Amino acid sequence: MTIMWRKSSYSGTADDDVCVELGLLAAGAGIGVRDSKNPAGGHLTLSPTEFAALVTDLKQHPEH
């Protein structure tokens, strides 16, 4: 299965050191999160529930 990675709209320019990509993994496998500057470096796999909790936390604490 090929994962279609999407770069975050909050990721900045090529000089930005905070770049994140998300990818929907195989059905039921969760959501992949990886560093867009190091795509070969692997990814973190989150369940939909874990991903929702991460997004909620980031919205509540944007300084992270």
N, C-alpha and C. Protein backbone atom coordinates (compact mmCIF):
# COMPACT_ATOMS: atom_id res chain seq x y z
N MET A 1 0.84 -1.18 0.00
CA MET A 1 0.00 0.00 0.00
C MET A 1 0.88 1.24 0.00
N THR A 2 0.56 2.18 -0.85
CA THR A 2 1.26 3.45 -0.89
C THR A 2 0.54 4.44 0.02
N ILE A 3 1.29 5.07 0.87
CA ILE A 3 0.72 6.07 1.78
C ILE A 3 0.81 7.43 1.11
N MET A 4 -0.29 8.13 1.05
CA MET A 4 -0.33 9.48 0.51
C MET A 4 -0.09 10.44 1.67
N TRP A 5 1.13 10.98 1.76
CA TRP A 5 1.49 11.88 2.84
C TRP A 5 1.05 13.29 2.49
N ARG A 6 0.52 14.01 3.49
CA ARG A 6 0.10 15.39 3.31
C ARG A 6 0.86 16.26 4.30
N LYS A 7 1.48 17.29 3.78
CA LYS A 7 2.25 18.21 4.62
C LYS A 7 1.29 19.16 5.32
N SER A 8 1.56 19.43 6.58
CA SER A 8 0.74 20.34 7.36
C SER A 8 0.76 21.74 6.77
N SER A 9 -0.38 22.38 6.75
CA SER A 9 -0.45 23.76 6.26
C SER A 9 0.28 24.71 7.21
N TYR A 10 0.57 24.25 8.42
CA TYR A 10 1.31 25.08 9.38
C TYR A 10 2.81 24.95 9.20
N SER A 11 3.23 23.99 8.40
CA SER A 11 4.67 23.87 8.12
C SER A 11 5.09 25.05 7.27
N GLY A 12 6.22 25.57 7.58
CA GLY A 12 6.67 26.79 6.91
C GLY A 12 7.48 26.55 5.66
N THR A 13 8.45 27.37 5.49
CA THR A 13 9.31 27.35 4.31
C THR A 13 10.35 26.23 4.40
N ALA A 14 11.17 26.14 3.40
CA ALA A 14 12.23 25.12 3.39
C ALA A 14 13.20 25.30 4.55
N ASP A 15 13.30 26.51 5.09
CA ASP A 15 14.20 26.77 6.21
C ASP A 15 13.57 26.47 7.57
N ASP A 16 12.27 26.15 7.57
CA ASP A 16 11.55 25.87 8.81
C ASP A 16 11.99 24.51 9.34
N ASP A 17 12.26 24.43 10.64
CA ASP A 17 12.69 23.15 11.20
C ASP A 17 11.54 22.36 11.82
N VAL A 18 10.33 22.86 11.70
CA VAL A 18 9.15 22.19 12.23
C VAL A 18 8.21 21.87 11.07
N CYS A 19 8.39 20.70 10.49
CA CYS A 19 7.59 20.28 9.34
C CYS A 19 7.02 18.89 9.61
N VAL A 20 5.71 18.78 9.52
CA VAL A 20 5.03 17.53 9.83
C VAL A 20 4.18 17.09 8.65
N GLU A 21 4.16 15.79 8.42
CA GLU A 21 3.29 15.21 7.40
C GLU A 21 2.42 14.14 8.06
N LEU A 22 1.20 14.00 7.55
CA LEU A 22 0.27 12.99 8.03
C LEU A 22 -0.07 12.06 6.90
N GLY A 23 -0.31 10.82 7.22
CA GLY A 23 -0.72 9.84 6.21
C GLY A 23 -1.69 8.84 6.80
N LEU A 24 -2.77 8.59 6.07
CA LEU A 24 -3.73 7.57 6.48
C LEU A 24 -3.14 6.22 6.12
N LEU A 25 -2.92 5.39 7.12
CA LEU A 25 -2.31 4.08 6.91
C LEU A 25 -3.38 3.10 6.44
N ALA A 26 -3.02 1.87 6.25
CA ALA A 26 -3.97 0.85 5.80
C ALA A 26 -5.21 0.86 6.70
N ALA A 27 -6.32 0.45 6.14
CA ALA A 27 -7.59 0.45 6.87
C ALA A 27 -7.41 -0.18 8.26
N GLY A 28 -7.79 0.58 9.27
CA GLY A 28 -7.70 0.11 10.64
C GLY A 28 -6.32 0.22 11.27
N ALA A 29 -5.31 0.66 10.50
CA ALA A 29 -3.94 0.73 11.03
C ALA A 29 -3.61 2.06 11.67
N GLY A 30 -4.44 3.07 11.48
CA GLY A 30 -4.22 4.35 12.14
C GLY A 30 -3.71 5.44 11.22
N ILE A 31 -3.11 6.44 11.85
CA ILE A 31 -2.62 7.63 11.16
C ILE A 31 -1.12 7.73 11.40
N GLY A 32 -0.37 7.92 10.31
CA GLY A 32 1.07 8.08 10.42
C GLY A 32 1.44 9.54 10.53
N VAL A 33 2.41 9.84 11.37
CA VAL A 33 2.92 11.20 11.54
C VAL A 33 4.43 11.11 11.36
N ARG A 34 4.97 11.95 10.46
CA ARG A 34 6.41 11.91 10.23
C ARG A 34 6.98 13.31 10.01
N ASP A 35 8.29 13.40 10.12
CA ASP A 35 9.02 14.63 9.86
C ASP A 35 9.20 14.74 8.35
N SER A 36 8.65 15.79 7.75
CA SER A 36 8.73 15.92 6.29
C SER A 36 10.16 16.18 5.81
N LYS A 37 11.04 16.60 6.70
CA LYS A 37 12.43 16.83 6.31
C LYS A 37 13.24 15.53 6.35
N ASN A 38 12.65 14.49 6.94
CA ASN A 38 13.34 13.19 7.03
C ASN A 38 12.32 12.07 6.78
N PRO A 39 11.75 12.01 5.59
CA PRO A 39 10.69 11.03 5.33
C PRO A 39 11.15 9.58 5.44
N ALA A 40 12.42 9.32 5.26
CA ALA A 40 12.93 7.95 5.38
C ALA A 40 13.18 7.56 6.83
N GLY A 41 13.02 8.50 7.74
CA GLY A 41 13.29 8.26 9.14
C GLY A 41 12.20 7.53 9.89
N GLY A 42 11.17 7.08 9.20
CA GLY A 42 10.08 6.37 9.85
C GLY A 42 8.95 7.30 10.25
N HIS A 43 7.95 6.72 10.87
CA HIS A 43 6.81 7.52 11.30
C HIS A 43 6.24 6.98 12.60
N LEU A 44 5.52 7.83 13.27
CA LEU A 44 4.80 7.49 14.49
C LEU A 44 3.40 7.06 14.06
N THR A 45 2.90 5.96 14.58
CA THR A 45 1.56 5.49 14.25
C THR A 45 0.64 5.78 15.43
N LEU A 46 -0.45 6.51 15.14
CA LEU A 46 -1.44 6.85 16.16
C LEU A 46 -2.80 6.29 15.75
N SER A 47 -3.56 5.84 16.73
CA SER A 47 -4.94 5.44 16.45
C SER A 47 -5.75 6.72 16.21
N PRO A 48 -6.92 6.63 15.61
CA PRO A 48 -7.74 7.83 15.44
C PRO A 48 -8.03 8.54 16.77
N THR A 49 -8.22 7.77 17.83
CA THR A 49 -8.48 8.36 19.15
C THR A 49 -7.25 9.09 19.66
N GLU A 50 -6.08 8.48 19.51
CA GLU A 50 -4.83 9.13 19.93
C GLU A 50 -4.56 10.39 19.12
N PHE A 51 -4.82 10.32 17.81
CA PHE A 51 -4.60 11.48 16.96
C PHE A 51 -5.54 12.62 17.36
N ALA A 52 -6.80 12.31 17.63
CA ALA A 52 -7.76 13.34 18.06
C ALA A 52 -7.31 13.98 19.37
N ALA A 53 -6.81 13.17 20.30
CA ALA A 53 -6.31 13.70 21.57
C ALA A 53 -5.10 14.60 21.35
N LEU A 54 -4.20 14.22 20.44
CA LEU A 54 -3.04 15.05 20.12
C LEU A 54 -3.47 16.40 19.57
N VAL A 55 -4.40 16.39 18.62
CA VAL A 55 -4.88 17.64 18.02
C VAL A 55 -5.53 18.52 19.09
N THR A 56 -6.34 17.93 19.95
CA THR A 56 -6.98 18.69 21.03
C THR A 56 -5.94 19.31 21.94
N ASP A 57 -4.93 18.54 22.32
CA ASP A 57 -3.87 19.04 23.19
C ASP A 57 -3.11 20.19 22.53
N LEU A 58 -2.79 20.04 21.25
CA LEU A 58 -2.05 21.10 20.55
C LEU A 58 -2.87 22.38 20.43
N LYS A 59 -4.18 22.23 20.26
CA LYS A 59 -5.04 23.43 20.18
C LYS A 59 -5.11 24.12 21.54
N GLN A 60 -5.10 23.33 22.61
CA GLN A 60 -5.19 23.90 23.95
C GLN A 60 -3.86 24.46 24.44
N HIS A 61 -2.75 23.96 23.89
CA HIS A 61 -1.42 24.37 24.30
C HIS A 61 -0.56 24.65 23.07
N PRO A 62 -0.85 25.71 22.35
CA PRO A 62 -0.14 25.98 21.09
C PRO A 62 1.35 26.24 21.26
N GLU A 63 1.83 26.46 22.46
CA GLU A 63 3.25 26.73 22.66
C GLU A 63 4.08 25.47 22.55
N HIS A 64 3.49 24.30 22.46
CA HIS A 64 4.25 23.02 22.35
C HIS A 64 5.03 22.97 21.09
